[in-house]
Amino acid sequence: MMLPTCLTPLILEAGVDEAGRGCLAGPVCAAAVILPDGWQHPLLNDSKKLTPARRAMLREVIEREAVAWSVAWASAAEIDDINILNASILAMHRALDGLSVRPGAIAVDGNRFKPYRDIPSQTVVKGDAKLGNIAAASILAKTHRDELMDRLAAEYPGYAWDVNKGYPTKAHRAGIAALGPTPHHRMTFGGVKVES
């Protein structure tokens, strides 16, 4: 099934999504993507429904053919400071800040967002499976975050981040129990915080 490019054809609309909300470690990553009007790809879909190889291939296509794209982050410390919802929205705003072209509208995956400047925005539940620009943003957010977690796994062996990307798997929880948390852990999250 081919996804429609965006909600508002003929307007430069940025699709926005994040990756890493449910993790115990690492930043939350957001991406914003403006696709050319009518742009489609037969494999484009929610990043969670794609194999790593297809995500990598589509990332190259999206980064080459998008009108504009940007990836941004909110750190584990920021997540602990302002909570995961606010940090996710902060990362989304930073991704929008990074676009080389100002969008005329914004479509955001999910049901929560805060106004960004004076640009009209709309949330779309399961938007990463409904709209091409949000699906493209989900792919960029996921692949960029996975790359970072692979690098951090080499710095902090013992948590299996190269496999679980910071999600609360049995191996990750065992690593926390054996080694304690790292500077990249979200200290306010259950499974990480140490009771005093």
N, C-alpha and C. Protein backbone atom coordinates (compact mmCIF):
# COMPACT_ATOMS: atom_id res chain seq x y z
N MET A 1 0.84 -1.18 0.00
CA MET A 1 0.00 0.00 0.00
C MET A 1 0.88 1.25 0.00
N MET A 2 0.59 2.18 -0.89
CA MET A 2 1.35 3.42 -0.95
C MET A 2 0.73 4.43 0.02
N LEU A 3 1.57 5.09 0.82
CA LEU A 3 1.08 6.07 1.78
C LEU A 3 0.95 7.43 1.11
N PRO A 4 -0.11 8.19 1.40
CA PRO A 4 -0.15 9.57 0.91
C PRO A 4 1.02 10.34 1.50
N THR A 5 1.52 11.31 0.74
CA THR A 5 2.71 12.04 1.17
C THR A 5 2.48 12.81 2.47
N CYS A 6 1.35 13.49 2.57
CA CYS A 6 1.14 14.39 3.70
C CYS A 6 -0.35 14.67 3.86
N LEU A 7 -0.69 15.43 4.89
CA LEU A 7 -2.08 15.84 5.13
C LEU A 7 -2.50 16.99 4.23
N THR A 8 -1.56 17.88 3.92
CA THR A 8 -1.89 19.13 3.22
C THR A 8 -1.10 19.24 1.93
N PRO A 9 -1.56 18.61 0.85
CA PRO A 9 -0.85 18.70 -0.43
C PRO A 9 -0.70 20.16 -0.86
N LEU A 10 0.34 20.43 -1.61
CA LEU A 10 0.68 21.74 -2.16
C LEU A 10 1.20 22.72 -1.12
N ILE A 11 1.32 22.27 0.13
CA ILE A 11 1.97 23.06 1.17
C ILE A 11 3.17 22.24 1.64
N LEU A 12 4.29 22.90 1.89
CA LEU A 12 5.45 22.18 2.42
C LEU A 12 5.15 21.76 3.85
N GLU A 13 4.77 20.51 4.01
CA GLU A 13 4.40 19.99 5.32
C GLU A 13 5.51 19.09 5.86
N ALA A 14 5.94 19.37 7.09
CA ALA A 14 6.94 18.52 7.74
C ALA A 14 6.24 17.41 8.51
N GLY A 15 6.67 16.18 8.28
CA GLY A 15 6.26 15.07 9.12
C GLY A 15 7.26 14.92 10.25
N VAL A 16 6.76 14.66 11.45
CA VAL A 16 7.63 14.60 12.63
C VAL A 16 7.32 13.33 13.43
N ASP A 17 8.38 12.67 13.88
CA ASP A 17 8.22 11.49 14.73
C ASP A 17 9.45 11.35 15.61
N GLU A 18 9.34 10.49 16.63
CA GLU A 18 10.46 10.28 17.55
C GLU A 18 10.73 8.79 17.70
N ALA A 19 11.89 8.47 18.25
CA ALA A 19 12.27 7.10 18.56
C ALA A 19 12.95 7.08 19.92
N GLY A 20 12.65 6.04 20.70
CA GLY A 20 13.35 5.86 21.98
C GLY A 20 12.60 6.32 23.20
N ARG A 21 11.31 6.53 23.09
CA ARG A 21 10.55 6.99 24.25
C ARG A 21 10.53 5.97 25.37
N GLY A 22 10.41 4.70 25.04
CA GLY A 22 10.25 3.68 26.06
C GLY A 22 11.54 3.06 26.57
N CYS A 23 12.67 3.65 26.22
CA CYS A 23 13.98 3.10 26.62
C CYS A 23 14.33 3.46 28.05
N LEU A 24 15.24 2.70 28.63
CA LEU A 24 15.80 3.02 29.94
C LEU A 24 17.09 3.82 29.82
N ALA A 25 17.67 3.83 28.62
CA ALA A 25 18.97 4.50 28.43
C ALA A 25 19.00 5.18 27.08
N GLY A 26 19.84 6.20 27.00
CA GLY A 26 20.04 6.91 25.74
C GLY A 26 19.06 8.06 25.59
N PRO A 27 19.34 8.93 24.63
CA PRO A 27 18.46 10.07 24.38
C PRO A 27 17.21 9.64 23.62
N VAL A 28 16.24 10.52 23.58
CA VAL A 28 15.13 10.37 22.65
C VAL A 28 15.52 11.13 21.38
N CYS A 29 15.25 10.55 20.24
CA CYS A 29 15.64 11.13 18.95
C CYS A 29 14.38 11.49 18.18
N ALA A 30 14.37 12.66 17.56
CA ALA A 30 13.24 13.07 16.72
C ALA A 30 13.75 13.45 15.35
N ALA A 31 12.89 13.27 14.36
CA ALA A 31 13.22 13.68 13.00
C ALA A 31 12.05 14.46 12.41
N ALA A 32 12.39 15.38 11.53
CA ALA A 32 11.40 16.14 10.76
C ALA A 32 11.77 15.99 9.29
N VAL A 33 10.79 15.69 8.46
CA VAL A 33 11.04 15.45 7.04
C VAL A 33 9.99 16.17 6.20
N ILE A 34 10.44 16.90 5.20
CA ILE A 34 9.55 17.47 4.18
C ILE A 34 9.81 16.71 2.89
N LEU A 35 8.81 16.02 2.40
CA LEU A 35 8.94 15.27 1.15
C LEU A 35 8.42 16.10 -0.02
N PRO A 36 8.93 15.85 -1.22
CA PRO A 36 8.37 16.53 -2.39
C PRO A 36 6.89 16.17 -2.55
N ASP A 37 6.09 17.09 -3.05
CA ASP A 37 4.66 16.85 -3.24
C ASP A 37 4.45 15.62 -4.11
N GLY A 38 3.65 14.68 -3.62
CA GLY A 38 3.36 13.48 -4.38
C GLY A 38 4.41 12.38 -4.30
N TRP A 39 5.46 12.61 -3.54
CA TRP A 39 6.55 11.63 -3.45
C TRP A 39 6.04 10.35 -2.79
N GLN A 40 6.42 9.21 -3.36
CA GLN A 40 6.04 7.92 -2.79
C GLN A 40 7.17 6.92 -2.97
N HIS A 41 7.14 5.91 -2.16
CA HIS A 41 8.05 4.78 -2.30
C HIS A 41 7.28 3.53 -1.89
N PRO A 42 7.35 2.46 -2.68
CA PRO A 42 6.52 1.29 -2.39
C PRO A 42 6.82 0.61 -1.05
N LEU A 43 8.01 0.81 -0.50
CA LEU A 43 8.37 0.15 0.77
C LEU A 43 8.19 1.06 1.98
N LEU A 44 7.87 2.33 1.75
CA LEU A 44 7.77 3.28 2.86
C LEU A 44 6.66 2.87 3.81
N ASN A 45 7.00 2.79 5.11
CA ASN A 45 6.03 2.38 6.13
C ASN A 45 6.59 2.78 7.49
N ASP A 46 5.78 2.58 8.51
CA ASP A 46 6.21 2.75 9.89
C ASP A 46 7.52 1.99 10.10
N SER A 47 8.52 2.65 10.66
CA SER A 47 9.85 2.03 10.81
C SER A 47 9.80 0.73 11.59
N LYS A 48 8.85 0.60 12.52
CA LYS A 48 8.77 -0.61 13.34
C LYS A 48 8.34 -1.82 12.51
N LYS A 49 7.76 -1.58 11.35
CA LYS A 49 7.29 -2.68 10.50
C LYS A 49 8.31 -3.06 9.42
N LEU A 50 9.49 -2.44 9.46
CA LEU A 50 10.51 -2.68 8.45
C LEU A 50 11.70 -3.42 9.04
N THR A 51 12.38 -4.20 8.22
CA THR A 51 13.62 -4.83 8.66
C THR A 51 14.71 -3.77 8.76
N PRO A 52 15.77 -4.03 9.54
CA PRO A 52 16.88 -3.07 9.58
C PRO A 52 17.46 -2.76 8.20
N ALA A 53 17.55 -3.76 7.33
CA ALA A 53 18.10 -3.53 5.99
C ALA A 53 17.21 -2.59 5.18
N ARG A 54 15.90 -2.77 5.28
CA ARG A 54 14.99 -1.88 4.55
C ARG A 54 15.00 -0.48 5.13
N ARG A 55 15.09 -0.38 6.46
CA ARG A 55 15.19 0.95 7.07
C ARG A 55 16.44 1.68 6.57
N ALA A 56 17.56 0.97 6.53
CA ALA A 56 18.82 1.58 6.08
C ALA A 56 18.72 2.03 4.63
N MET A 57 18.12 1.22 3.79
CA MET A 57 17.97 1.57 2.38
C MET A 57 17.06 2.79 2.22
N LEU A 58 15.93 2.78 2.94
CA LEU A 58 15.00 3.90 2.84
C LEU A 58 15.60 5.18 3.42
N ARG A 59 16.41 5.05 4.46
CA ARG A 59 17.06 6.24 5.01
C ARG A 59 17.89 6.93 3.93
N GLU A 60 18.66 6.17 3.18
CA GLU A 60 19.46 6.76 2.11
C GLU A 60 18.59 7.47 1.08
N VAL A 61 17.50 6.83 0.69
CA VAL A 61 16.60 7.41 -0.30
C VAL A 61 15.98 8.70 0.24
N ILE A 62 15.48 8.65 1.48
CA ILE A 62 14.83 9.81 2.09
C ILE A 62 15.80 10.97 2.22
N GLU A 63 17.00 10.70 2.73
CA GLU A 63 17.97 11.78 2.93
C GLU A 63 18.42 12.39 1.61
N ARG A 64 18.40 11.59 0.55
CA ARG A 64 18.79 12.09 -0.77
C ARG A 64 17.67 12.86 -1.46
N GLU A 65 16.42 12.41 -1.30
CA GLU A 65 15.34 12.94 -2.11
C GLU A 65 14.40 13.91 -1.38
N ALA A 66 14.48 13.99 -0.07
CA ALA A 66 13.61 14.91 0.67
C ALA A 66 13.91 16.36 0.31
N VAL A 67 12.90 17.19 0.39
CA VAL A 67 13.10 18.63 0.24
C VAL A 67 14.00 19.12 1.37
N ALA A 68 13.75 18.62 2.57
CA ALA A 68 14.58 18.95 3.74
C ALA A 68 14.34 17.88 4.80
N TRP A 69 15.37 17.64 5.62
CA TRP A 69 15.23 16.72 6.75
C TRP A 69 16.18 17.14 7.85
N SER A 70 15.84 16.75 9.06
CA SER A 70 16.66 17.09 10.23
C SER A 70 16.41 16.07 11.33
N VAL A 71 17.47 15.79 12.08
CA VAL A 71 17.39 14.88 13.22
C VAL A 71 17.91 15.63 14.44
N ALA A 72 17.25 15.47 15.58
CA ALA A 72 17.67 16.16 16.81
C ALA A 72 17.40 15.26 18.01
N TRP A 73 17.91 15.69 19.17
CA TRP A 73 17.92 14.84 20.35
C TRP A 73 17.50 15.61 21.59
N ALA A 74 17.03 14.85 22.59
CA ALA A 74 16.95 15.33 23.96
C ALA A 74 17.64 14.26 24.81
N SER A 75 18.55 14.69 25.65
CA SER A 75 19.42 13.77 26.37
C SER A 75 18.70 13.07 27.52
N ALA A 76 19.33 12.04 28.04
CA ALA A 76 18.79 11.34 29.21
C ALA A 76 18.62 12.30 30.38
N ALA A 77 19.58 13.21 30.56
CA ALA A 77 19.47 14.19 31.65
C ALA A 77 18.27 15.10 31.45
N GLU A 78 18.03 15.52 30.20
CA GLU A 78 16.86 16.36 29.93
C GLU A 78 15.57 15.58 30.15
N ILE A 79 15.57 14.30 29.79
CA ILE A 79 14.40 13.46 30.03
C ILE A 79 14.11 13.39 31.53
N ASP A 80 15.15 13.18 32.34
CA ASP A 80 14.97 13.13 33.79
C ASP A 80 14.49 14.47 34.33
N ASP A 81 14.92 15.56 33.72
CA ASP A 81 14.61 16.90 34.22
C ASP A 81 13.17 17.32 33.88
N ILE A 82 12.72 17.03 32.66
CA ILE A 82 11.42 17.57 32.22
C ILE A 82 10.40 16.49 31.87
N ASN A 83 10.73 15.25 31.98
CA ASN A 83 9.93 14.04 31.71
C ASN A 83 9.98 13.68 30.22
N ILE A 84 9.64 12.44 29.94
CA ILE A 84 9.83 11.90 28.59
C ILE A 84 8.91 12.57 27.56
N LEU A 85 7.68 12.90 27.94
CA LEU A 85 6.79 13.56 26.97
C LEU A 85 7.35 14.91 26.56
N ASN A 86 7.71 15.73 27.56
CA ASN A 86 8.23 17.06 27.24
C ASN A 86 9.57 16.98 26.51
N ALA A 87 10.39 16.00 26.86
CA ALA A 87 11.68 15.83 26.17
C ALA A 87 11.46 15.40 24.72
N SER A 88 10.47 14.55 24.49
CA SER A 88 10.16 14.13 23.12
C SER A 88 9.73 15.32 22.28
N ILE A 89 8.88 16.17 22.84
CA ILE A 89 8.42 17.35 22.12
C ILE A 89 9.58 18.33 21.92
N LEU A 90 10.45 18.47 22.93
CA LEU A 90 11.63 19.31 22.78
C LEU A 90 12.50 18.84 21.62
N ALA A 91 12.73 17.53 21.53
CA ALA A 91 13.52 16.98 20.42
C ALA A 91 12.83 17.24 19.08
N MET A 92 11.50 17.12 19.04
CA MET A 92 10.76 17.41 17.82
C MET A 92 10.93 18.88 17.40
N HIS A 93 10.82 19.79 18.37
CA HIS A 93 11.02 21.21 18.07
C HIS A 93 12.44 21.46 17.56
N ARG A 94 13.42 20.80 18.17
CA ARG A 94 14.80 20.96 17.71
C ARG A 94 14.97 20.43 16.28
N ALA A 95 14.30 19.32 15.96
CA ALA A 95 14.37 18.79 14.59
C ALA A 95 13.75 19.80 13.62
N LEU A 96 12.63 20.40 14.00
CA LEU A 96 12.02 21.43 13.14
C LEU A 96 12.95 22.63 13.01
N ASP A 97 13.62 23.01 14.10
CA ASP A 97 14.60 24.11 14.04
C ASP A 97 15.70 23.82 13.02
N GLY A 98 16.04 22.54 12.86
CA GLY A 98 17.16 22.17 11.99
C GLY A 98 16.82 22.08 10.52
N LEU A 99 15.54 22.18 10.16
CA LEU A 99 15.19 22.10 8.74
C LEU A 99 15.75 23.29 7.97
N SER A 100 16.25 23.01 6.78
CA SER A 100 16.80 24.08 5.93
C SER A 100 15.71 24.84 5.20
N VAL A 101 14.49 24.31 5.22
CA VAL A 101 13.33 24.94 4.58
C VAL A 101 12.23 25.06 5.62
N ARG A 102 11.62 26.21 5.72
CA ARG A 102 10.54 26.41 6.70
C ARG A 102 9.26 25.76 6.19
N PRO A 103 8.68 24.85 6.98
CA PRO A 103 7.43 24.22 6.53
C PRO A 103 6.24 25.17 6.70
N GLY A 104 5.20 24.89 5.92
CA GLY A 104 3.96 25.65 6.06
C GLY A 104 2.97 24.98 6.99
N ALA A 105 3.23 23.70 7.31
CA ALA A 105 2.37 22.93 8.21
C ALA A 105 3.21 21.79 8.79
N ILE A 106 2.71 21.23 9.89
CA ILE A 106 3.42 20.15 10.59
C ILE A 106 2.42 19.04 10.90
N ALA A 107 2.81 17.80 10.59
CA ALA A 107 2.02 16.61 10.95
C ALA A 107 2.87 15.79 11.91
N VAL A 108 2.34 15.50 13.09
CA VAL A 108 3.10 14.85 14.16
C VAL A 108 2.49 13.50 14.49
N ASP A 109 3.32 12.47 14.59
CA ASP A 109 2.83 11.16 15.00
C ASP A 109 2.38 11.21 16.45
N GLY A 110 1.25 10.57 16.74
CA GLY A 110 0.78 10.50 18.12
C GLY A 110 -0.38 11.44 18.39
N ASN A 111 -0.57 11.76 19.67
CA ASN A 111 -1.70 12.62 20.03
C ASN A 111 -1.31 13.79 20.93
N ARG A 112 0.00 14.02 21.11
CA ARG A 112 0.45 15.12 21.98
C ARG A 112 1.54 15.91 21.29
N PHE A 113 1.39 17.23 21.29
CA PHE A 113 2.39 18.12 20.71
C PHE A 113 2.13 19.51 21.28
N LYS A 114 3.16 20.33 21.29
CA LYS A 114 3.01 21.73 21.70
C LYS A 114 3.23 22.61 20.48
N PRO A 115 2.51 23.72 20.38
CA PRO A 115 2.66 24.58 19.20
C PRO A 115 4.12 24.92 18.92
N TYR A 116 4.44 24.93 17.64
CA TYR A 116 5.79 25.28 17.21
C TYR A 116 5.71 26.58 16.43
N ARG A 117 6.27 27.65 17.01
CA ARG A 117 6.23 28.98 16.40
C ARG A 117 4.81 29.30 15.96
N ASP A 118 4.65 29.82 14.75
CA ASP A 118 3.30 30.17 14.27
C ASP A 118 2.83 29.21 13.19
N ILE A 119 3.45 28.02 13.14
CA ILE A 119 3.14 27.07 12.07
C ILE A 119 2.02 26.14 12.53
N PRO A 120 0.94 26.02 11.73
CA PRO A 120 -0.14 25.11 12.13
C PRO A 120 0.33 23.66 12.19
N SER A 121 -0.14 22.95 13.20
CA SER A 121 0.26 21.55 13.37
C SER A 121 -0.96 20.70 13.66
N GLN A 122 -0.83 19.42 13.34
CA GLN A 122 -1.89 18.45 13.61
C GLN A 122 -1.25 17.15 14.05
N THR A 123 -1.80 16.54 15.09
CA THR A 123 -1.34 15.23 15.52
C THR A 123 -2.14 14.16 14.79
N VAL A 124 -1.47 13.04 14.50
CA VAL A 124 -2.10 11.94 13.78
C VAL A 124 -1.75 10.65 14.51
N VAL A 125 -2.73 10.03 15.15
CA VAL A 125 -2.50 8.77 15.85
C VAL A 125 -2.12 7.70 14.82
N LYS A 126 -1.03 7.00 15.11
CA LYS A 126 -0.47 6.00 14.18
C LYS A 126 -0.14 6.63 12.83
N GLY A 127 0.28 7.88 12.88
CA GLY A 127 0.59 8.61 11.65
C GLY A 127 1.74 8.00 10.87
N ASP A 128 2.64 7.29 11.57
CA ASP A 128 3.78 6.67 10.87
C ASP A 128 3.34 5.54 9.95
N ALA A 129 2.11 5.07 10.09
CA ALA A 129 1.57 4.06 9.17
C ALA A 129 0.54 4.65 8.21
N LYS A 130 0.30 5.97 8.32
CA LYS A 130 -0.73 6.61 7.51
C LYS A 130 -0.21 7.65 6.53
N LEU A 131 0.88 8.33 6.91
CA LEU A 131 1.39 9.44 6.09
C LEU A 131 2.86 9.22 5.75
N GLY A 132 3.21 9.46 4.51
CA GLY A 132 4.58 9.26 4.06
C GLY A 132 5.59 10.11 4.78
N ASN A 133 5.25 11.40 5.03
CA ASN A 133 6.25 12.27 5.68
C ASN A 133 6.52 11.84 7.12
N ILE A 134 5.48 11.36 7.83
CA ILE A 134 5.70 10.87 9.20
C ILE A 134 6.44 9.54 9.17
N ALA A 135 6.09 8.66 8.23
CA ALA A 135 6.82 7.39 8.10
C ALA A 135 8.29 7.64 7.83
N ALA A 136 8.57 8.61 6.96
CA ALA A 136 9.97 8.96 6.65
C ALA A 136 10.68 9.47 7.90
N ALA A 137 10.00 10.31 8.68
CA ALA A 137 10.59 10.81 9.93
C ALA A 137 10.83 9.67 10.90
N SER A 138 9.92 8.70 10.96
CA SER A 138 10.10 7.58 11.88
C SER A 138 11.33 6.76 11.51
N ILE A 139 11.57 6.61 10.21
CA ILE A 139 12.74 5.86 9.74
C ILE A 139 14.03 6.59 10.10
N LEU A 140 14.07 7.91 9.88
CA LEU A 140 15.29 8.65 10.21
C LEU A 140 15.54 8.66 11.71
N ALA A 141 14.50 8.88 12.50
CA ALA A 141 14.67 8.90 13.96
C ALA A 141 15.18 7.54 14.46
N LYS A 142 14.58 6.48 13.96
CA LYS A 142 14.96 5.13 14.41
C LYS A 142 16.39 4.78 14.00
N THR A 143 16.75 5.03 12.74
CA THR A 143 18.08 4.62 12.29
C THR A 143 19.18 5.47 12.92
N HIS A 144 18.95 6.76 13.07
CA HIS A 144 19.97 7.60 13.71
C HIS A 144 20.14 7.22 15.17
N ARG A 145 19.03 6.94 15.86
CA ARG A 145 19.15 6.56 17.27
C ARG A 145 19.82 5.19 17.42
N ASP A 146 19.46 4.24 16.56
CA ASP A 146 20.09 2.92 16.63
C ASP A 146 21.59 3.02 16.42
N GLU A 147 22.03 3.86 15.48
CA GLU A 147 23.47 4.06 15.26
C GLU A 147 24.15 4.57 16.52
N LEU A 148 23.53 5.54 17.17
CA LEU A 148 24.11 6.09 18.40
C LEU A 148 24.21 5.01 19.47
N MET A 149 23.16 4.22 19.64
CA MET A 149 23.18 3.19 20.68
C MET A 149 24.22 2.11 20.37
N ASP A 150 24.46 1.83 19.09
CA ASP A 150 25.54 0.90 18.74
C ASP A 150 26.89 1.46 19.17
N ARG A 151 27.10 2.76 18.96
CA ARG A 151 28.37 3.38 19.38
C ARG A 151 28.50 3.36 20.91
N LEU A 152 27.41 3.67 21.61
CA LEU A 152 27.46 3.68 23.07
C LEU A 152 27.65 2.27 23.63
N ALA A 153 27.16 1.26 22.91
CA ALA A 153 27.34 -0.13 23.36
C ALA A 153 28.81 -0.50 23.41
N ALA A 154 29.59 0.05 22.49
CA ALA A 154 31.03 -0.22 22.50
C ALA A 154 31.72 0.46 23.69
N GLU A 155 31.20 1.62 24.09
CA GLU A 155 31.76 2.34 25.23
C GLU A 155 31.34 1.72 26.57
N TYR A 156 30.13 1.17 26.59
CA TYR A 156 29.57 0.63 27.82
C TYR A 156 29.12 -0.82 27.59
N PRO A 157 30.07 -1.74 27.46
CA PRO A 157 29.68 -3.14 27.27
C PRO A 157 29.01 -3.68 28.53
N GLY A 158 28.21 -4.68 28.34
CA GLY A 158 27.55 -5.29 29.49
C GLY A 158 26.07 -5.02 29.57
N TYR A 159 25.56 -4.10 28.72
CA TYR A 159 24.14 -3.78 28.74
C TYR A 159 23.41 -4.25 27.47
N ALA A 160 24.17 -4.76 26.50
CA ALA A 160 23.60 -5.28 25.24
C ALA A 160 22.85 -4.22 24.45
N TRP A 161 23.32 -2.96 24.52
CA TRP A 161 22.64 -1.90 23.77
C TRP A 161 22.72 -2.10 22.26
N ASP A 162 23.73 -2.83 21.81
CA ASP A 162 23.82 -3.09 20.37
C ASP A 162 22.67 -3.98 19.91
N VAL A 163 22.05 -4.69 20.84
CA VAL A 163 20.90 -5.56 20.52
C VAL A 163 19.59 -4.91 20.93
N ASN A 164 19.54 -4.36 22.16
CA ASN A 164 18.25 -3.87 22.67
C ASN A 164 18.06 -2.36 22.51
N LYS A 165 19.11 -1.64 22.10
CA LYS A 165 19.04 -0.20 21.86
C LYS A 165 18.58 0.60 23.08
N GLY A 166 18.73 0.00 24.26
CA GLY A 166 18.36 0.71 25.49
C GLY A 166 16.98 0.37 26.02
N TYR A 167 16.24 -0.46 25.30
CA TYR A 167 14.92 -0.86 25.80
C TYR A 167 15.09 -1.83 26.98
N PRO A 168 14.05 -1.97 27.81
CA PRO A 168 14.19 -2.74 29.07
C PRO A 168 14.08 -4.25 28.87
N THR A 169 15.03 -4.82 28.16
CA THR A 169 15.06 -6.27 27.99
C THR A 169 15.67 -6.93 29.24
N LYS A 170 15.56 -8.23 29.29
CA LYS A 170 16.13 -8.98 30.42
C LYS A 170 17.65 -8.76 30.50
N ALA A 171 18.33 -8.78 29.33
CA ALA A 171 19.79 -8.58 29.33
C ALA A 171 20.17 -7.19 29.79
N HIS A 172 19.39 -6.19 29.39
CA HIS A 172 19.68 -4.82 29.82
C HIS A 172 19.47 -4.67 31.33
N ARG A 173 18.38 -5.21 31.82
CA ARG A 173 18.12 -5.13 33.26
C ARG A 173 19.20 -5.87 34.06
N ALA A 174 19.67 -7.01 33.52
CA ALA A 174 20.74 -7.75 34.19
C ALA A 174 22.02 -6.92 34.23
N GLY A 175 22.29 -6.19 33.15
CA GLY A 175 23.46 -5.32 33.12
C GLY A 175 23.39 -4.22 34.16
N ILE A 176 22.20 -3.62 34.31
CA ILE A 176 22.02 -2.58 35.33
C ILE A 176 22.23 -3.17 36.72
N ALA A 177 21.67 -4.36 36.95
CA ALA A 177 21.81 -5.00 38.27
C ALA A 177 23.26 -5.31 38.58
N ALA A 178 24.01 -5.74 37.58
CA ALA A 178 25.40 -6.16 37.81
C ALA A 178 26.37 -4.98 37.83
N LEU A 179 26.15 -4.00 36.97
CA LEU A 179 27.13 -2.92 36.76
C LEU A 179 26.67 -1.56 37.26
N GLY A 180 25.38 -1.44 37.55
CA GLY A 180 24.84 -0.14 37.93
C GLY A 180 24.54 0.69 36.68
N PRO A 181 23.92 1.85 36.87
CA PRO A 181 23.58 2.69 35.73
C PRO A 181 24.79 3.45 35.19
N THR A 182 24.69 3.86 33.94
CA THR A 182 25.71 4.68 33.28
C THR A 182 25.22 6.13 33.23
N PRO A 183 26.07 7.06 32.77
CA PRO A 183 25.61 8.44 32.59
C PRO A 183 24.51 8.57 31.54
N HIS A 184 24.30 7.53 30.74
CA HIS A 184 23.28 7.59 29.68
C HIS A 184 21.95 6.97 30.12
N HIS A 185 21.88 6.47 31.35
CA HIS A 185 20.63 5.91 31.84
C HIS A 185 19.69 7.03 32.31
N ARG A 186 18.40 6.76 32.18
CA ARG A 186 17.36 7.69 32.62
C ARG A 186 17.05 7.35 34.08
N MET A 187 17.60 8.16 34.96
CA MET A 187 17.59 7.81 36.39
C MET A 187 16.20 7.87 37.02
N THR A 188 15.25 8.53 36.38
CA THR A 188 13.90 8.61 36.93
C THR A 188 13.02 7.46 36.47
N PHE A 189 13.55 6.58 35.61
CA PHE A 189 12.74 5.49 35.06
C PHE A 189 12.79 4.28 35.98
N GLY A 190 11.65 3.63 36.17
CA GLY A 190 11.60 2.39 36.92
C GLY A 190 12.52 1.36 36.26
N GLY A 191 13.24 0.63 37.09
CA GLY A 191 14.22 -0.31 36.56
C GLY A 191 15.61 0.27 36.53
N VAL A 192 15.73 1.60 36.70
CA VAL A 192 17.04 2.26 36.75
C VAL A 192 17.22 2.94 38.08
N LYS A 193 16.22 3.71 38.51
CA LYS A 193 16.41 4.53 39.72
C LYS A 193 16.70 3.65 40.92
N VAL A 194 17.62 4.12 41.71
CA VAL A 194 18.04 3.40 42.91
C VAL A 194 17.28 3.99 44.09
N GLU A 195 16.57 3.14 44.80
CA GLU A 195 15.82 3.61 45.97
C GLU A 195 16.79 3.93 47.10
N SER A 196 16.59 5.06 47.76
CA SER A 196 17.49 5.45 48.86
C SER A 196 16.95 4.98 50.19
